[in-house]
Amino acid sequence: MMHMSGLSSLEYYLGLILGDICLFTVPAVVISLVLIAVPQIMVSSSIGPFFISFVLYGLALINQVYCFMHLFDNPDTALKYVALIFFLVLLLIPIALSMIFAAIFGFSDSVGAALGFWYWIDPQVCFVIQLYTLCCLGKPDLDDFKITLSGGVEPTTGLYCGVILAQTILIFVLNIFIDRFLQNRHKRRGGRDGEAPPMLDIRQDVLDHADEVRRNANL
């Protein structure tokens, strides 16, 4: 509908992101308040970084959803499979591959290196490592279980913010490119992009109603 109003792809998705991130902030506030009441999960000094981390992950998540929606013609089908893509393809499979890599090359010092690869390119793994790190902060008994990335890099909140923002920008640019140059080529007439716009399938009940109107009007 926003495209039909004459908005560009950039304006269209910036508007969607603004609305969606406002909605995403609500559960971030609720979860933060719950964590304050349950210090066993996370110490109070980590609640603020958690809130910021969660909202930034929301930005990346929202843009990823927009990108994956381009794969489906039917919104109902997209809703069924997007969650599966996030949980299975972008979270479980990378973690499983990392565990296999760590087991092959030495479990004690390879888990961080294996997960570290995904940390830089996968927002889901990046957020999970950040969440795990925040849960370990302020708990001396968990010092031996902290994750260190390859090269001895500590997954700090500052590093997380920089990485997740970079990932979000890249995904956003990719989404704009897909929408502008692949999904809406029909808007630019002339040359190889001057093809007819994609048309939605007409439901049978609409066709039946049209036939009934013609019969009643003796057309």
N, C-alpha and C. Protein backbone atom coordinates (compact mmCIF):
# COMPACT_ATOMS: atom_id res chain seq x y z
N MET A 1 0.82 -1.20 0.00
CA MET A 1 0.00 0.00 0.00
C MET A 1 0.86 1.26 0.00
N MET A 2 2.01 1.19 0.71
CA MET A 2 2.88 2.37 0.75
C MET A 2 3.52 2.60 -0.60
N HIS A 3 3.85 1.50 -1.31
CA HIS A 3 4.37 1.66 -2.66
C HIS A 3 3.34 2.32 -3.56
N MET A 4 2.07 1.92 -3.41
CA MET A 4 1.01 2.49 -4.23
C MET A 4 0.81 3.97 -3.93
N SER A 5 1.25 4.42 -2.77
CA SER A 5 1.14 5.84 -2.41
C SER A 5 2.28 6.67 -2.98
N GLY A 6 3.18 6.03 -3.70
CA GLY A 6 4.26 6.76 -4.34
C GLY A 6 5.55 6.81 -3.55
N LEU A 7 5.66 6.02 -2.48
CA LEU A 7 6.88 6.03 -1.68
C LEU A 7 7.96 5.20 -2.36
N SER A 8 9.21 5.61 -2.16
CA SER A 8 10.33 4.82 -2.66
C SER A 8 10.58 3.65 -1.72
N SER A 9 11.43 2.72 -2.16
CA SER A 9 11.76 1.56 -1.32
C SER A 9 12.38 2.01 0.00
N LEU A 10 13.24 3.03 -0.07
CA LEU A 10 13.89 3.52 1.15
C LEU A 10 12.87 4.08 2.12
N GLU A 11 11.98 4.93 1.62
CA GLU A 11 10.96 5.51 2.49
C GLU A 11 10.02 4.44 3.04
N TYR A 12 9.69 3.49 2.19
CA TYR A 12 8.78 2.41 2.57
C TYR A 12 9.31 1.61 3.74
N TYR A 13 10.58 1.16 3.64
CA TYR A 13 11.13 0.30 4.68
C TYR A 13 11.57 1.09 5.91
N LEU A 14 11.96 2.34 5.75
CA LEU A 14 12.27 3.14 6.92
C LEU A 14 11.02 3.34 7.78
N GLY A 15 9.88 3.54 7.12
CA GLY A 15 8.63 3.67 7.85
C GLY A 15 8.25 2.39 8.57
N LEU A 16 8.41 1.26 7.88
CA LEU A 16 8.12 -0.03 8.51
C LEU A 16 9.03 -0.30 9.70
N ILE A 17 10.32 -0.01 9.53
CA ILE A 17 11.28 -0.25 10.61
C ILE A 17 10.95 0.59 11.83
N LEU A 18 10.59 1.86 11.60
CA LEU A 18 10.26 2.74 12.71
C LEU A 18 9.08 2.19 13.51
N GLY A 19 8.04 1.75 12.80
CA GLY A 19 6.88 1.20 13.48
C GLY A 19 7.18 -0.12 14.18
N ASP A 20 7.91 -1.00 13.49
CA ASP A 20 8.19 -2.32 14.06
C ASP A 20 9.13 -2.26 15.25
N ILE A 21 10.12 -1.35 15.22
CA ILE A 21 11.05 -1.29 16.35
C ILE A 21 10.37 -0.70 17.57
N CYS A 22 9.37 0.16 17.37
CA CYS A 22 8.59 0.66 18.51
C CYS A 22 7.82 -0.50 19.16
N LEU A 23 7.26 -1.37 18.34
CA LEU A 23 6.56 -2.55 18.87
C LEU A 23 7.54 -3.50 19.55
N PHE A 24 8.72 -3.64 18.98
CA PHE A 24 9.72 -4.56 19.52
C PHE A 24 10.25 -4.07 20.87
N THR A 25 10.22 -2.76 21.09
CA THR A 25 10.73 -2.20 22.34
C THR A 25 9.87 -2.61 23.53
N VAL A 26 8.58 -2.85 23.29
CA VAL A 26 7.67 -3.22 24.38
C VAL A 26 8.11 -4.51 25.08
N PRO A 27 8.31 -5.62 24.35
CA PRO A 27 8.80 -6.82 25.06
C PRO A 27 10.19 -6.64 25.64
N ALA A 28 11.02 -5.78 25.04
CA ALA A 28 12.35 -5.53 25.60
C ALA A 28 12.23 -4.91 26.99
N VAL A 29 11.29 -3.98 27.15
CA VAL A 29 11.07 -3.36 28.46
C VAL A 29 10.53 -4.38 29.45
N VAL A 30 9.56 -5.18 29.02
CA VAL A 30 8.95 -6.18 29.91
C VAL A 30 9.98 -7.19 30.38
N ILE A 31 10.78 -7.72 29.44
CA ILE A 31 11.79 -8.72 29.82
C ILE A 31 12.83 -8.11 30.75
N SER A 32 13.22 -6.87 30.52
CA SER A 32 14.19 -6.20 31.40
C SER A 32 13.65 -6.07 32.81
N LEU A 33 12.37 -5.73 32.93
CA LEU A 33 11.76 -5.62 34.26
C LEU A 33 11.71 -6.98 34.95
N VAL A 34 11.42 -8.02 34.19
CA VAL A 34 11.40 -9.36 34.77
C VAL A 34 12.79 -9.76 35.26
N LEU A 35 13.83 -9.42 34.48
CA LEU A 35 15.19 -9.76 34.87
C LEU A 35 15.62 -9.04 36.14
N ILE A 36 15.10 -7.84 36.35
CA ILE A 36 15.41 -7.12 37.59
C ILE A 36 14.90 -7.91 38.79
N ALA A 37 13.75 -8.55 38.62
CA ALA A 37 13.15 -9.32 39.72
C ALA A 37 13.77 -10.69 39.89
N VAL A 38 14.59 -11.11 38.91
CA VAL A 38 15.21 -12.45 38.98
C VAL A 38 16.72 -12.29 38.81
N PRO A 39 17.42 -11.86 39.86
CA PRO A 39 18.87 -11.63 39.75
C PRO A 39 19.68 -12.89 39.52
N GLN A 40 19.07 -14.07 39.70
CA GLN A 40 19.80 -15.31 39.46
C GLN A 40 20.16 -15.47 37.98
N ILE A 41 19.38 -14.87 37.11
CA ILE A 41 19.64 -14.97 35.68
C ILE A 41 20.70 -13.98 35.24
N MET A 42 20.57 -12.75 35.72
CA MET A 42 21.47 -11.68 35.27
C MET A 42 21.58 -10.65 36.39
N VAL A 43 22.80 -10.22 36.68
CA VAL A 43 22.99 -9.21 37.73
C VAL A 43 22.42 -7.88 37.28
N SER A 44 22.09 -7.02 38.21
CA SER A 44 21.41 -5.77 37.89
C SER A 44 22.22 -4.86 36.99
N SER A 45 23.55 -4.90 37.11
CA SER A 45 24.39 -4.03 36.29
C SER A 45 24.37 -4.43 34.81
N SER A 46 23.88 -5.62 34.50
CA SER A 46 23.83 -6.07 33.10
C SER A 46 22.47 -5.84 32.46
N ILE A 47 21.48 -5.33 33.23
CA ILE A 47 20.14 -5.13 32.68
C ILE A 47 20.15 -4.05 31.60
N GLY A 48 20.84 -2.95 31.85
CA GLY A 48 20.92 -1.87 30.85
C GLY A 48 21.56 -2.34 29.55
N PRO A 49 22.74 -2.96 29.61
CA PRO A 49 23.33 -3.51 28.38
C PRO A 49 22.43 -4.54 27.70
N PHE A 50 21.70 -5.33 28.50
CA PHE A 50 20.78 -6.29 27.89
C PHE A 50 19.70 -5.58 27.09
N PHE A 51 19.11 -4.54 27.65
CA PHE A 51 18.05 -3.81 26.96
C PHE A 51 18.56 -3.25 25.63
N ILE A 52 19.73 -2.63 25.67
CA ILE A 52 20.31 -2.07 24.44
C ILE A 52 20.60 -3.19 23.44
N SER A 53 21.16 -4.29 23.93
CA SER A 53 21.49 -5.42 23.05
C SER A 53 20.24 -6.01 22.41
N PHE A 54 19.18 -6.11 23.20
CA PHE A 54 17.94 -6.71 22.70
C PHE A 54 17.30 -5.83 21.63
N VAL A 55 17.28 -4.52 21.85
CA VAL A 55 16.70 -3.60 20.86
C VAL A 55 17.51 -3.60 19.57
N LEU A 56 18.84 -3.61 19.70
CA LEU A 56 19.68 -3.65 18.50
C LEU A 56 19.49 -4.96 17.74
N TYR A 57 19.33 -6.05 18.48
CA TYR A 57 19.03 -7.32 17.80
C TYR A 57 17.68 -7.24 17.10
N GLY A 58 16.74 -6.54 17.70
CA GLY A 58 15.43 -6.36 17.06
C GLY A 58 15.56 -5.67 15.72
N LEU A 59 16.44 -4.67 15.62
CA LEU A 59 16.66 -3.99 14.34
C LEU A 59 17.16 -4.96 13.28
N ALA A 60 18.13 -5.80 13.67
CA ALA A 60 18.66 -6.78 12.72
C ALA A 60 17.60 -7.81 12.36
N LEU A 61 16.85 -8.27 13.36
CA LEU A 61 15.82 -9.27 13.13
C LEU A 61 14.73 -8.75 12.18
N ILE A 62 14.29 -7.54 12.40
CA ILE A 62 13.25 -6.94 11.55
C ILE A 62 13.71 -6.85 10.11
N ASN A 63 14.93 -6.41 9.89
CA ASN A 63 15.44 -6.30 8.53
C ASN A 63 15.62 -7.67 7.88
N GLN A 64 15.99 -8.66 8.66
CA GLN A 64 16.09 -10.02 8.12
C GLN A 64 14.72 -10.53 7.68
N VAL A 65 13.70 -10.26 8.48
CA VAL A 65 12.35 -10.69 8.12
C VAL A 65 11.95 -10.06 6.79
N TYR A 66 12.23 -8.78 6.63
CA TYR A 66 11.89 -8.11 5.37
C TYR A 66 12.58 -8.80 4.18
N CYS A 67 13.84 -9.16 4.37
CA CYS A 67 14.58 -9.81 3.28
C CYS A 67 13.98 -11.17 2.94
N PHE A 68 13.69 -11.96 3.96
CA PHE A 68 13.16 -13.30 3.71
C PHE A 68 11.76 -13.27 3.12
N MET A 69 11.01 -12.21 3.39
CA MET A 69 9.66 -12.12 2.84
C MET A 69 9.69 -12.05 1.32
N HIS A 70 10.80 -11.60 0.74
CA HIS A 70 10.92 -11.55 -0.72
C HIS A 70 10.93 -12.95 -1.34
N LEU A 71 11.21 -13.96 -0.54
CA LEU A 71 11.29 -15.32 -1.07
C LEU A 71 9.91 -15.93 -1.31
N PHE A 72 8.88 -15.32 -0.75
CA PHE A 72 7.55 -15.92 -0.79
C PHE A 72 6.56 -14.98 -1.48
N ASP A 73 5.68 -15.57 -2.27
CA ASP A 73 4.62 -14.80 -2.91
C ASP A 73 3.39 -14.68 -2.02
N ASN A 74 3.21 -15.66 -1.14
CA ASN A 74 2.05 -15.69 -0.27
C ASN A 74 2.45 -15.33 1.16
N PRO A 75 1.87 -14.28 1.75
CA PRO A 75 2.23 -13.90 3.13
C PRO A 75 1.97 -15.01 4.14
N ASP A 76 0.91 -15.79 3.94
CA ASP A 76 0.62 -16.88 4.87
C ASP A 76 1.72 -17.93 4.86
N THR A 77 2.22 -18.24 3.67
CA THR A 77 3.33 -19.18 3.55
C THR A 77 4.59 -18.63 4.21
N ALA A 78 4.82 -17.34 4.03
CA ALA A 78 5.99 -16.70 4.62
C ALA A 78 5.96 -16.80 6.14
N LEU A 79 4.79 -16.58 6.74
CA LEU A 79 4.68 -16.64 8.19
C LEU A 79 4.99 -18.05 8.71
N LYS A 80 4.67 -19.06 7.92
CA LYS A 80 4.91 -20.43 8.34
C LYS A 80 6.39 -20.79 8.33
N TYR A 81 7.13 -20.24 7.37
CA TYR A 81 8.50 -20.71 7.16
C TYR A 81 9.58 -19.75 7.66
N VAL A 82 9.27 -18.48 7.85
CA VAL A 82 10.29 -17.53 8.28
C VAL A 82 10.82 -17.89 9.67
N ALA A 83 9.91 -18.23 10.59
CA ALA A 83 10.35 -18.61 11.94
C ALA A 83 11.23 -19.86 11.90
N LEU A 84 10.89 -20.80 11.03
CA LEU A 84 11.70 -22.02 10.88
C LEU A 84 13.08 -21.68 10.34
N ILE A 85 13.15 -20.76 9.40
CA ILE A 85 14.44 -20.34 8.85
C ILE A 85 15.32 -19.75 9.94
N PHE A 86 14.74 -18.88 10.76
CA PHE A 86 15.51 -18.25 11.83
C PHE A 86 15.99 -19.28 12.85
N PHE A 87 15.10 -20.15 13.28
CA PHE A 87 15.45 -21.08 14.35
C PHE A 87 16.38 -22.18 13.88
N LEU A 88 16.09 -22.74 12.71
CA LEU A 88 16.86 -23.89 12.25
C LEU A 88 18.10 -23.48 11.46
N VAL A 89 17.92 -22.68 10.43
CA VAL A 89 19.02 -22.36 9.51
C VAL A 89 19.99 -21.36 10.11
N LEU A 90 19.48 -20.35 10.80
CA LEU A 90 20.34 -19.26 11.27
C LEU A 90 20.79 -19.41 12.72
N LEU A 91 20.27 -20.41 13.44
CA LEU A 91 20.68 -20.58 14.83
C LEU A 91 21.18 -21.99 15.11
N LEU A 92 20.32 -23.00 14.96
CA LEU A 92 20.70 -24.36 15.34
C LEU A 92 21.81 -24.92 14.46
N ILE A 93 21.69 -24.75 13.15
CA ILE A 93 22.71 -25.31 12.24
C ILE A 93 24.08 -24.67 12.48
N PRO A 94 24.20 -23.34 12.58
CA PRO A 94 25.53 -22.76 12.88
C PRO A 94 26.12 -23.26 14.21
N ILE A 95 25.27 -23.37 15.24
CA ILE A 95 25.77 -23.85 16.53
C ILE A 95 26.21 -25.31 16.42
N ALA A 96 25.41 -26.14 15.71
CA ALA A 96 25.78 -27.54 15.54
C ALA A 96 27.08 -27.69 14.78
N LEU A 97 27.25 -26.92 13.71
CA LEU A 97 28.50 -26.97 12.95
C LEU A 97 29.67 -26.53 13.81
N SER A 98 29.45 -25.54 14.65
CA SER A 98 30.52 -25.07 15.53
C SER A 98 30.93 -26.15 16.52
N MET A 99 29.95 -26.88 17.07
CA MET A 99 30.26 -27.95 18.00
C MET A 99 31.04 -29.07 17.32
N ILE A 100 30.66 -29.39 16.08
CA ILE A 100 31.38 -30.42 15.33
C ILE A 100 32.81 -29.97 15.06
N PHE A 101 32.96 -28.72 14.68
CA PHE A 101 34.30 -28.17 14.43
C PHE A 101 35.15 -28.22 15.70
N ALA A 102 34.53 -27.83 16.83
CA ALA A 102 35.26 -27.82 18.09
C ALA A 102 35.66 -29.23 18.51
N ALA A 103 34.78 -30.20 18.29
CA ALA A 103 35.09 -31.58 18.67
C ALA A 103 36.23 -32.15 17.83
N ILE A 104 36.29 -31.75 16.57
CA ILE A 104 37.33 -32.27 15.68
C ILE A 104 38.69 -31.68 16.01
N PHE A 105 38.72 -30.36 16.28
CA PHE A 105 40.00 -29.67 16.42
C PHE A 105 40.40 -29.37 17.86
N GLY A 106 39.65 -29.90 18.81
CA GLY A 106 40.02 -29.69 20.21
C GLY A 106 38.98 -28.87 20.93
N PHE A 107 38.15 -29.52 21.71
CA PHE A 107 36.97 -28.87 22.28
C PHE A 107 37.32 -27.71 23.20
N SER A 108 38.40 -27.83 23.96
CA SER A 108 38.68 -26.86 25.01
C SER A 108 38.94 -25.46 24.48
N ASP A 109 39.57 -25.36 23.33
CA ASP A 109 39.94 -24.03 22.85
C ASP A 109 39.34 -23.70 21.48
N SER A 110 38.44 -24.53 20.99
CA SER A 110 37.93 -24.29 19.64
C SER A 110 36.47 -23.85 19.60
N VAL A 111 35.76 -23.93 20.73
CA VAL A 111 34.36 -23.51 20.72
C VAL A 111 34.24 -22.03 20.39
N GLY A 112 35.05 -21.21 21.07
CA GLY A 112 35.01 -19.78 20.80
C GLY A 112 35.40 -19.46 19.38
N ALA A 113 36.43 -20.15 18.87
CA ALA A 113 36.87 -19.91 17.50
C ALA A 113 35.80 -20.30 16.50
N ALA A 114 35.13 -21.44 16.77
CA ALA A 114 34.08 -21.91 15.85
C ALA A 114 32.88 -20.98 15.88
N LEU A 115 32.42 -20.61 17.06
CA LEU A 115 31.29 -19.69 17.17
C LEU A 115 31.68 -18.29 16.71
N GLY A 116 32.97 -17.96 16.89
CA GLY A 116 33.42 -16.63 16.49
C GLY A 116 33.22 -16.33 15.03
N PHE A 117 33.32 -17.35 14.19
CA PHE A 117 33.08 -17.15 12.75
C PHE A 117 31.66 -16.66 12.51
N TRP A 118 30.70 -17.30 13.19
CA TRP A 118 29.31 -16.92 13.00
C TRP A 118 28.98 -15.61 13.71
N TYR A 119 29.73 -15.30 14.74
CA TYR A 119 29.50 -14.07 15.50
C TYR A 119 29.54 -12.84 14.59
N TRP A 120 30.43 -12.88 13.60
CA TRP A 120 30.61 -11.70 12.74
C TRP A 120 29.58 -11.62 11.62
N ILE A 121 28.92 -12.71 11.28
CA ILE A 121 28.05 -12.70 10.10
C ILE A 121 26.60 -13.07 10.39
N ASP A 122 26.33 -13.66 11.53
CA ASP A 122 24.98 -14.14 11.83
C ASP A 122 24.42 -13.40 13.04
N PRO A 123 23.43 -12.52 12.88
CA PRO A 123 22.89 -11.77 14.02
C PRO A 123 22.33 -12.65 15.13
N GLN A 124 21.79 -13.82 14.76
CA GLN A 124 21.24 -14.71 15.79
C GLN A 124 22.34 -15.22 16.71
N VAL A 125 23.40 -15.74 16.15
CA VAL A 125 24.51 -16.24 16.97
C VAL A 125 25.18 -15.10 17.72
N CYS A 126 25.28 -13.96 17.07
CA CYS A 126 25.88 -12.78 17.71
C CYS A 126 25.10 -12.41 18.97
N PHE A 127 23.78 -12.40 18.87
CA PHE A 127 22.96 -12.04 20.03
C PHE A 127 23.02 -13.12 21.11
N VAL A 128 23.01 -14.39 20.71
CA VAL A 128 23.07 -15.47 21.70
C VAL A 128 24.37 -15.40 22.50
N ILE A 129 25.49 -15.15 21.82
CA ILE A 129 26.78 -15.02 22.52
C ILE A 129 26.76 -13.81 23.46
N GLN A 130 26.18 -12.71 22.98
CA GLN A 130 26.08 -11.52 23.83
C GLN A 130 25.21 -11.79 25.05
N LEU A 131 24.10 -12.47 24.85
CA LEU A 131 23.20 -12.80 25.96
C LEU A 131 23.90 -13.72 26.96
N TYR A 132 24.59 -14.72 26.46
CA TYR A 132 25.32 -15.64 27.34
C TYR A 132 26.40 -14.90 28.13
N THR A 133 27.10 -13.99 27.47
CA THR A 133 28.15 -13.21 28.13
C THR A 133 27.57 -12.35 29.25
N LEU A 134 26.44 -11.71 28.98
CA LEU A 134 25.80 -10.87 30.00
C LEU A 134 25.34 -11.70 31.19
N CYS A 135 24.88 -12.91 30.93
CA CYS A 135 24.44 -13.78 32.03
C CYS A 135 25.62 -14.23 32.90
N CYS A 136 26.81 -14.29 32.31
CA CYS A 136 27.99 -14.73 33.05
C CYS A 136 28.66 -13.60 33.83
N LEU A 137 28.40 -12.34 33.42
CA LEU A 137 29.06 -11.21 34.08
C LEU A 137 28.64 -11.11 35.54
N GLY A 138 29.63 -10.83 36.40
CA GLY A 138 29.34 -10.67 37.82
C GLY A 138 29.13 -11.97 38.56
N LYS A 139 29.46 -13.09 37.92
CA LYS A 139 29.28 -14.40 38.56
C LYS A 139 30.61 -15.15 38.50
N PRO A 140 31.43 -15.03 39.54
CA PRO A 140 32.76 -15.66 39.53
C PRO A 140 32.74 -17.15 39.27
N ASP A 141 31.67 -17.83 39.70
CA ASP A 141 31.61 -19.28 39.51
C ASP A 141 31.43 -19.66 38.04
N LEU A 142 31.12 -18.68 37.18
CA LEU A 142 30.93 -18.96 35.76
C LEU A 142 32.10 -18.46 34.90
N ASP A 143 33.16 -17.99 35.55
CA ASP A 143 34.30 -17.45 34.79
C ASP A 143 34.91 -18.49 33.85
N ASP A 144 34.91 -19.74 34.27
CA ASP A 144 35.51 -20.80 33.44
C ASP A 144 34.65 -21.15 32.23
N PHE A 145 33.41 -20.66 32.20
CA PHE A 145 32.51 -21.01 31.10
C PHE A 145 32.30 -19.86 30.12
N LYS A 146 33.03 -18.77 30.30
CA LYS A 146 32.88 -17.64 29.39
C LYS A 146 33.41 -17.99 28.00
N ILE A 147 32.80 -17.40 26.99
CA ILE A 147 33.21 -17.63 25.60
C ILE A 147 34.17 -16.54 25.17
N THR A 148 35.29 -16.96 24.61
CA THR A 148 36.26 -16.03 24.02
C THR A 148 36.35 -16.32 22.54
N LEU A 149 36.23 -15.28 21.73
CA LEU A 149 36.27 -15.45 20.29
C LEU A 149 37.69 -15.74 19.83
N SER A 150 37.83 -16.09 18.56
CA SER A 150 39.15 -16.40 18.01
C SER A 150 40.08 -15.20 18.16
N GLY A 151 41.34 -15.50 18.46
CA GLY A 151 42.32 -14.43 18.67
C GLY A 151 42.26 -13.84 20.07
N GLY A 152 41.49 -14.47 20.95
CA GLY A 152 41.39 -13.98 22.32
C GLY A 152 40.50 -12.77 22.48
N VAL A 153 39.67 -12.47 21.48
CA VAL A 153 38.79 -11.30 21.53
C VAL A 153 37.63 -11.56 22.49
N GLU A 154 37.42 -10.62 23.41
CA GLU A 154 36.31 -10.74 24.35
C GLU A 154 35.04 -10.17 23.72
N PRO A 155 33.92 -10.90 23.77
CA PRO A 155 32.66 -10.40 23.20
C PRO A 155 32.00 -9.37 24.12
N THR A 156 32.54 -8.18 24.16
CA THR A 156 32.01 -7.13 25.03
C THR A 156 30.75 -6.51 24.42
N THR A 157 30.06 -5.72 25.23
CA THR A 157 28.85 -5.05 24.74
C THR A 157 29.20 -4.04 23.65
N GLY A 158 30.31 -3.34 23.80
CA GLY A 158 30.72 -2.39 22.77
C GLY A 158 30.99 -3.07 21.44
N LEU A 159 31.69 -4.21 21.49
CA LEU A 159 31.94 -4.96 20.26
C LEU A 159 30.64 -5.45 19.66
N TYR A 160 29.75 -5.96 20.51
CA TYR A 160 28.45 -6.44 20.02
C TYR A 160 27.68 -5.33 19.32
N CYS A 161 27.63 -4.15 19.91
CA CYS A 161 26.89 -3.04 19.31
C CYS A 161 27.44 -2.71 17.92
N GLY A 162 28.76 -2.66 17.81
CA GLY A 162 29.36 -2.36 16.52
C GLY A 162 29.07 -3.43 15.48
N VAL A 163 29.18 -4.70 15.89
CA VAL A 163 28.97 -5.81 14.95
C VAL A 163 27.51 -5.88 14.52
N ILE A 164 26.58 -5.81 15.47
CA ILE A 164 25.16 -5.96 15.13
C ILE A 164 24.67 -4.79 14.30
N LEU A 165 25.20 -3.58 14.53
CA LEU A 165 24.81 -2.43 13.72
C LEU A 165 25.34 -2.58 12.29
N ALA A 166 26.57 -3.07 12.16
CA ALA A 166 27.13 -3.31 10.83
C ALA A 166 26.32 -4.36 10.08
N GLN A 167 25.94 -5.44 10.77
CA GLN A 167 25.12 -6.47 10.15
C GLN A 167 23.76 -5.91 9.74
N THR A 168 23.17 -5.08 10.59
CA THR A 168 21.87 -4.49 10.29
C THR A 168 21.93 -3.61 9.06
N ILE A 169 22.97 -2.79 8.96
CA ILE A 169 23.11 -1.90 7.81
C ILE A 169 23.27 -2.70 6.53
N LEU A 170 24.08 -3.75 6.58
CA LEU A 170 24.28 -4.58 5.39
C LEU A 170 22.97 -5.25 4.96
N ILE A 171 22.22 -5.77 5.93
CA ILE A 171 20.95 -6.42 5.61
C ILE A 171 19.96 -5.40 5.07
N PHE A 172 19.93 -4.22 5.65
CA PHE A 172 19.02 -3.17 5.19
C PHE A 172 19.33 -2.78 3.74
N VAL A 173 20.62 -2.59 3.44
CA VAL A 173 21.01 -2.24 2.07
C VAL A 173 20.65 -3.35 1.10
N LEU A 174 20.87 -4.61 1.51
CA LEU A 174 20.50 -5.75 0.67
C LEU A 174 19.00 -5.78 0.42
N ASN A 175 18.22 -5.50 1.44
CA ASN A 175 16.77 -5.50 1.29
C ASN A 175 16.30 -4.42 0.34
N ILE A 176 16.88 -3.23 0.46
CA ILE A 176 16.52 -2.14 -0.45
C ILE A 176 16.89 -2.50 -1.88
N PHE A 177 18.06 -3.11 -2.05
CA PHE A 177 18.49 -3.51 -3.39
C PHE A 177 17.51 -4.52 -3.99
N ILE A 178 17.13 -5.53 -3.20
CA ILE A 178 16.20 -6.55 -3.69
C ILE A 178 14.87 -5.92 -4.06
N ASP A 179 14.36 -5.07 -3.20
CA ASP A 179 13.05 -4.46 -3.44
C ASP A 179 13.09 -3.50 -4.62
N ARG A 180 14.15 -2.74 -4.73
CA ARG A 180 14.23 -1.71 -5.77
C ARG A 180 14.55 -2.29 -7.14
N PHE A 181 15.51 -3.20 -7.19
CA PHE A 181 16.01 -3.64 -8.49
C PHE A 181 15.50 -5.02 -8.92
N LEU A 182 14.90 -5.78 -8.02
CA LEU A 182 14.40 -7.10 -8.39
C LEU A 182 12.89 -7.20 -8.27
N GLN A 183 12.34 -6.74 -7.15
CA GLN A 183 10.91 -6.89 -6.93
C GLN A 183 10.07 -5.86 -7.69
N ASN A 184 10.62 -4.69 -7.94
CA ASN A 184 9.83 -3.61 -8.52
C ASN A 184 10.43 -3.09 -9.83
N ARG A 185 11.00 -3.99 -10.60
CA ARG A 185 11.56 -3.58 -11.89
C ARG A 185 10.50 -3.05 -12.84
N HIS A 186 9.25 -3.51 -12.66
CA HIS A 186 8.18 -3.11 -13.58
C HIS A 186 7.90 -1.61 -13.51
N LYS A 187 8.38 -0.94 -12.46
CA LYS A 187 8.12 0.48 -12.34
C LYS A 187 8.96 1.31 -13.30
N ARG A 188 10.04 0.72 -13.82
CA ARG A 188 10.93 1.46 -14.71
C ARG A 188 10.73 0.95 -16.14
N ARG A 189 10.06 1.73 -16.96
CA ARG A 189 9.77 1.32 -18.33
C ARG A 189 10.98 1.51 -19.23
N GLY A 190 11.10 0.63 -20.19
CA GLY A 190 12.20 0.73 -21.14
C GLY A 190 13.31 -0.24 -20.82
N GLY A 191 13.96 -0.78 -21.85
CA GLY A 191 15.06 -1.70 -21.64
C GLY A 191 14.59 -3.03 -21.07
N ARG A 192 15.51 -3.75 -20.52
CA ARG A 192 15.18 -5.10 -20.04
C ARG A 192 14.31 -5.07 -18.78
N ASP A 193 14.25 -3.89 -18.10
CA ASP A 193 13.43 -3.81 -16.90
C ASP A 193 11.99 -3.42 -17.19
N GLY A 194 11.66 -3.19 -18.46
CA GLY A 194 10.32 -2.74 -18.79
C GLY A 194 9.34 -3.88 -18.93
N GLU A 195 9.22 -4.71 -17.93
CA GLU A 195 8.32 -5.84 -17.99
C GLU A 195 7.00 -5.50 -17.28
N ALA A 196 5.99 -6.28 -17.55
CA ALA A 196 4.69 -6.01 -16.96
C ALA A 196 4.73 -6.24 -15.45
N PRO A 197 3.96 -5.46 -14.67
CA PRO A 197 3.96 -5.64 -13.22
C PRO A 197 3.37 -6.98 -12.82
N PRO A 198 3.85 -7.56 -11.73
CA PRO A 198 3.28 -8.83 -11.27
C PRO A 198 1.84 -8.63 -10.82
N MET A 199 0.97 -9.54 -11.21
CA MET A 199 -0.44 -9.42 -10.88
C MET A 199 -0.83 -10.50 -9.88
N LEU A 200 -1.68 -10.16 -8.93
CA LEU A 200 -2.16 -11.14 -7.97
C LEU A 200 -3.19 -12.05 -8.61
N ASP A 201 -3.24 -13.29 -8.18
CA ASP A 201 -4.24 -14.22 -8.67
C ASP A 201 -5.64 -13.77 -8.23
N ILE A 202 -6.60 -13.87 -9.17
CA ILE A 202 -7.98 -13.49 -8.86
C ILE A 202 -8.70 -14.70 -8.28
N ARG A 203 -9.30 -14.54 -7.11
CA ARG A 203 -9.99 -15.65 -6.46
C ARG A 203 -11.22 -16.05 -7.27
N GLN A 204 -11.58 -17.32 -7.19
CA GLN A 204 -12.68 -17.85 -7.97
C GLN A 204 -14.00 -17.19 -7.59
N ASP A 205 -14.18 -16.87 -6.30
CA ASP A 205 -15.44 -16.25 -5.90
C ASP A 205 -15.62 -14.87 -6.52
N VAL A 206 -14.50 -14.19 -6.77
CA VAL A 206 -14.57 -12.88 -7.44
C VAL A 206 -15.00 -13.07 -8.89
N LEU A 207 -14.43 -14.09 -9.55
CA LEU A 207 -14.81 -14.36 -10.93
C LEU A 207 -16.28 -14.76 -11.03
N ASP A 208 -16.73 -15.58 -10.08
CA ASP A 208 -18.14 -15.99 -10.08
C ASP A 208 -19.05 -14.80 -9.88
N HIS A 209 -18.68 -13.90 -9.02
CA HIS A 209 -19.51 -12.71 -8.79
C HIS A 209 -19.55 -11.84 -10.04
N ALA A 210 -18.42 -11.72 -10.72
CA ALA A 210 -18.39 -10.93 -11.95
C ALA A 210 -19.31 -11.54 -13.01
N ASP A 211 -19.31 -12.86 -13.12
CA ASP A 211 -20.21 -13.52 -14.08
C ASP A 211 -21.68 -13.29 -13.71
N GLU A 212 -21.96 -13.33 -12.40
CA GLU A 212 -23.34 -13.11 -11.96
C GLU A 212 -23.80 -11.69 -12.27
N VAL A 213 -22.93 -10.73 -12.08
CA VAL A 213 -23.27 -9.34 -12.40
C VAL A 213 -23.55 -9.18 -13.89
N ARG A 214 -22.72 -9.84 -14.72
CA ARG A 214 -22.93 -9.75 -16.17
C ARG A 214 -24.26 -10.38 -16.57
N ARG A 215 -24.60 -11.52 -15.96
CA ARG A 215 -25.88 -12.18 -16.28
C ARG A 215 -27.06 -11.31 -15.87
N ASN A 216 -26.99 -10.72 -14.69
CA ASN A 216 -28.09 -9.88 -14.22
C ASN A 216 -28.25 -8.63 -15.09
N ALA A 217 -27.14 -8.17 -15.64
CA ALA A 217 -27.19 -6.98 -16.48
C ALA A 217 -27.41 -7.32 -17.95
N ASN A 218 -27.60 -8.62 -18.24
CA ASN A 218 -27.81 -9.08 -19.62
C ASN A 218 -26.65 -8.66 -20.53
N LEU A 219 -25.43 -8.79 -20.00
CA LEU A 219 -24.27 -8.42 -20.82
C LEU A 219 -23.69 -9.67 -21.49
